[in-house]
C-alpha atoms as a PDB file:
ATOM      1  CA  MET A   1     196.893 228.724 193.751  1.00  0.00           C
ATOM      2  CA  ASN A   2     196.201 226.689 196.881  1.00  0.00           C
ATOM      3  CA  ILE A   3     194.515 223.362 197.642  1.00  0.00           C
ATOM      4  CA  THR A   4     191.083 224.962 197.844  1.00  0.00           C
ATOM      5  CA  ASP A   5     191.365 225.973 194.163  1.00  0.00           C
ATOM      6  CA  LEU A   6     191.717 222.373 193.005  1.00  0.00           C
ATOM      7  CA  ASN A   7     188.844 220.322 191.639  1.00  0.00           C
ATOM      8  CA  ARG A   8     188.059 216.738 192.556  1.00  0.00           C
ATOM      9  CA  LYS A   9     190.672 214.273 191.167  1.00  0.00           C
ATOM     10  CA  ASP A  10     193.123 217.093 190.310  1.00  0.00           C
ATOM     11  CA  GLU A  11     196.783 216.287 190.838  1.00  0.00           C
ATOM     12  CA  ALA A  12     199.208 218.979 191.972  1.00  0.00           C
ATOM     13  CA  VAL A  13     202.646 219.592 193.451  1.00  0.00           C
ATOM     14  CA  ILE A  14     203.076 221.495 196.708  1.00  0.00           C
ATOM     15  CA  ILE A  15     205.227 224.558 196.118  1.00  0.00           C
ATOM     16  CA  SER A  16     205.054 226.373 199.456  1.00  0.00           C
ATOM     17  CA  LEU A  17     204.158 225.887 203.127  1.00  0.00           C
ATOM     18  CA  LYS A  18     205.690 229.171 204.283  1.00  0.00           C
ATOM     19  CA  THR A  19     202.573 230.697 205.860  1.00  0.00           C
ATOM     20  CA  ILE A  20     201.893 227.688 208.120  1.00  0.00           C
ATOM     21  CA  ASP A  21     202.808 227.666 211.793  1.00  0.00           C
ATOM     22  CA  LYS A  22     206.115 225.832 212.318  1.00  0.00           C
ATOM     23  CA  LYS A  23     204.708 223.249 214.729  1.00  0.00           C
ATOM     24  CA  PHE A  24     201.810 222.404 212.410  1.00  0.00           C
ATOM     25  CA  MET A  25     204.200 222.267 209.436  1.00  0.00           C
ATOM     26  CA  GLU A  26     206.242 219.624 211.251  1.00  0.00           C
ATOM     27  CA  ARG A  27     203.080 217.542 211.752  1.00  0.00           C
ATOM     28  CA  LEU A  28     202.211 217.865 208.060  1.00  0.00           C
ATOM     29  CA  MET A  29     205.717 216.832 207.061  1.00  0.00           C
ATOM     30  CA  ASP A  30     205.390 213.711 209.237  1.00  0.00           C
ATOM     31  CA  LEU A  31     202.312 212.843 207.127  1.00  0.00           C
ATOM     32  CA  GLY A  32     204.144 213.366 203.833  1.00  0.00           C
ATOM     33  CA  ILE A  33     202.976 216.896 203.071  1.00  0.00           C
ATOM     34  CA  TYR A  34     206.085 218.892 202.193  1.00  0.00           C
ATOM     35  CA  GLU A  35     207.336 221.092 199.354  1.00  0.00           C
ATOM     36  CA  GLU A  36     207.559 219.207 196.024  1.00  0.00           C
ATOM     37  CA  ALA A  37     205.255 216.410 197.262  1.00  0.00           C
ATOM     38  CA  ARG A  38     202.639 215.237 194.747  1.00  0.00           C
ATOM     39  CA  ILE A  39     199.060 215.301 195.992  1.00  0.00           C
ATOM     40  CA  THR A  40     195.650 214.397 194.603  1.00  0.00           C
ATOM     41  CA  LEU A  41     192.458 216.065 195.798  1.00  0.00           C
ATOM     42  CA  LEU A  42     190.080 213.153 196.293  1.00  0.00           C
ATOM     43  CA  ASN A  43     187.045 215.044 197.525  1.00  0.00           C
ATOM     44  CA  LYS A  44     185.678 218.191 199.140  1.00  0.00           C
ATOM     45  CA  LEU A  45     183.533 217.422 202.185  1.00  0.00           C
ATOM     46  CA  ALA A  46     181.250 219.230 204.637  1.00  0.00           C
ATOM     47  CA  PHE A  47     180.240 222.034 202.278  1.00  0.00           C
ATOM     48  CA  ASP A  48     183.838 222.543 201.083  1.00  0.00           C
ATOM     49  CA  ASN A  49     185.192 222.937 204.621  1.00  0.00           C
ATOM     50  CA  LEU A  50     187.219 219.699 204.565  1.00  0.00           C
ATOM     51  CA  TYR A  51     189.607 218.530 201.846  1.00  0.00           C
ATOM     52  CA  LEU A  52     190.440 214.845 201.430  1.00  0.00           C
ATOM     53  CA  LEU A  53     193.910 214.454 199.911  1.00  0.00           C
ATOM     54  CA  GLU A  54     196.025 211.530 198.841  1.00  0.00           C
ATOM     55  CA  VAL A  55     199.767 211.785 199.428  1.00  0.00           C
ATOM     56  CA  ASP A  56     202.032 208.760 198.896  1.00  0.00           C
ATOM     57  CA  ASP A  57     199.037 206.367 199.025  1.00  0.00           C
ATOM     58  CA  ILE A  58     197.888 207.890 202.333  1.00  0.00           C
ATOM     59  CA  GLU A  59     194.568 209.710 202.657  1.00  0.00           C
ATOM     60  CA  ILE A  60     194.615 212.884 204.750  1.00  0.00           C
ATOM     61  CA  CYS A  61     191.765 215.246 205.543  1.00  0.00           C
ATOM     62  CA  LEU A  62     192.584 218.940 206.071  1.00  0.00           C
ATOM     63  CA  ARG A  63     190.404 221.782 207.271  1.00  0.00           C
ATOM     64  CA  LYS A  64     189.813 224.614 204.827  1.00  0.00           C
ATOM     65  CA  GLU A  65     191.682 227.092 207.028  1.00  0.00           C
ATOM     66  CA  ASP A  66     194.793 224.884 206.813  1.00  0.00           C
ATOM     67  CA  ALA A  67     194.374 224.030 203.116  1.00  0.00           C
ATOM     68  CA  LEU A  68     194.311 227.750 202.284  1.00  0.00           C
ATOM     69  CA  HIS A  69     197.962 228.036 203.397  1.00  0.00           C
ATOM     70  CA  ILE A  70     199.304 225.270 201.160  1.00  0.00           C
ATOM     71  CA  GLU A  71     200.304 226.629 197.750  1.00  0.00           C
ATOM     72  CA  VAL A  72     200.267 224.195 194.827  1.00  0.00           C
ATOM     73  CA  ARG A  73     200.731 224.058 191.057  1.00  0.00           C
ATOM     74  CA  LYS A  74     199.083 221.661 188.628  1.00  0.00           C
END
Protein backbone atom coordinates (compact mmCIF):
# COMPACT_ATOMS: atom_id res chain seq x y z
CA MET A 1 0.00 0.00 0.00
CA ASN A 2 1.27 3.50 -0.73
CA ILE A 3 0.14 7.04 0.11
CA THR A 4 -2.17 7.18 -2.90
CA ASP A 5 -4.22 4.30 -1.43
CA LEU A 6 -5.07 6.25 1.72
CA ASN A 7 -8.34 8.09 2.23
CA ARG A 8 -8.71 11.58 3.63
CA LYS A 9 -7.87 11.73 7.39
CA ASP A 10 -6.27 8.25 7.35
CA GLU A 11 -3.24 7.82 9.56
CA ALA A 12 -0.39 5.54 8.52
CA VAL A 13 3.24 4.65 9.19
CA ILE A 14 5.85 4.84 6.45
CA ILE A 15 7.42 1.43 5.94
CA SER A 16 9.62 1.96 2.88
CA LEU A 17 11.25 4.66 0.75
CA LYS A 18 13.49 2.26 -1.17
CA THR A 19 12.29 3.10 -4.69
CA ILE A 20 12.92 6.85 -4.32
CA ASP A 21 15.97 8.55 -5.78
CA LYS A 22 18.63 9.03 -3.08
CA LYS A 23 18.84 12.81 -3.46
CA PHE A 24 15.07 13.22 -3.24
CA MET A 25 14.96 10.83 -0.26
CA GLU A 26 17.40 13.08 1.58
CA ARG A 27 15.11 16.07 0.95
CA LEU A 28 12.11 14.12 2.25
CA MET A 29 14.02 13.08 5.35
CA ASP A 30 14.85 16.75 6.03
CA LEU A 31 11.07 17.36 6.06
CA GLY A 32 10.40 14.49 8.48
CA ILE A 33 9.39 11.84 5.97
CA TYR A 34 11.39 8.73 6.82
CA GLU A 35 10.74 5.06 7.60
CA GLU A 36 8.58 4.57 10.72
CA ALA A 37 7.34 8.19 10.63
CA ARG A 38 3.61 8.65 11.32
CA ILE A 39 1.70 10.57 8.67
CA THR A 40 -1.87 11.72 8.16
CA LEU A 41 -3.36 12.27 4.71
CA LEU A 42 -5.15 15.60 5.05
CA ASN A 43 -6.47 15.94 1.52
CA LYS A 44 -6.14 14.95 -2.12
CA LEU A 45 -5.90 17.97 -4.42
CA ALA A 46 -5.87 18.78 -8.14
CA PHE A 47 -7.86 15.73 -9.24
CA ASP A 48 -5.85 13.40 -6.98
CA ASN A 49 -2.51 14.55 -8.40
CA LEU A 50 -1.34 16.23 -5.18
CA TYR A 51 -1.39 14.76 -1.67
CA LEU A 52 -1.40 17.01 1.39
CA LEU A 53 0.22 15.22 4.34
CA GLU A 54 0.84 16.07 7.95
CA VAL A 55 4.08 14.85 9.50
CA ASP A 56 5.15 16.02 12.97
CA ASP A 57 2.71 18.98 12.83
CA ILE A 58 4.12 20.06 9.45
CA GLU A 59 1.99 20.07 6.30
CA ILE A 60 3.70 18.80 3.14
CA CYS A 61 2.29 18.48 -0.35
CA LEU A 62 3.63 15.69 -2.59
CA ARG A 63 3.04 14.99 -6.25
CA LYS A 64 1.31 11.73 -7.10
CA GLU A 65 4.40 10.39 -8.87
CA ASP A 66 6.40 10.82 -5.64
CA ALA A 67 3.62 9.59 -3.34
CA LEU A 68 3.42 6.35 -5.34
CA HIS A 69 6.93 5.42 -4.14
CA ILE A 70 6.23 5.80 -0.43
CA GLU A 71 4.94 2.54 1.06
CA VAL A 72 2.79 2.79 4.19
CA ARG A 73 0.70 0.66 6.55
CA LYS A 74 -2.35 1.73 8.51
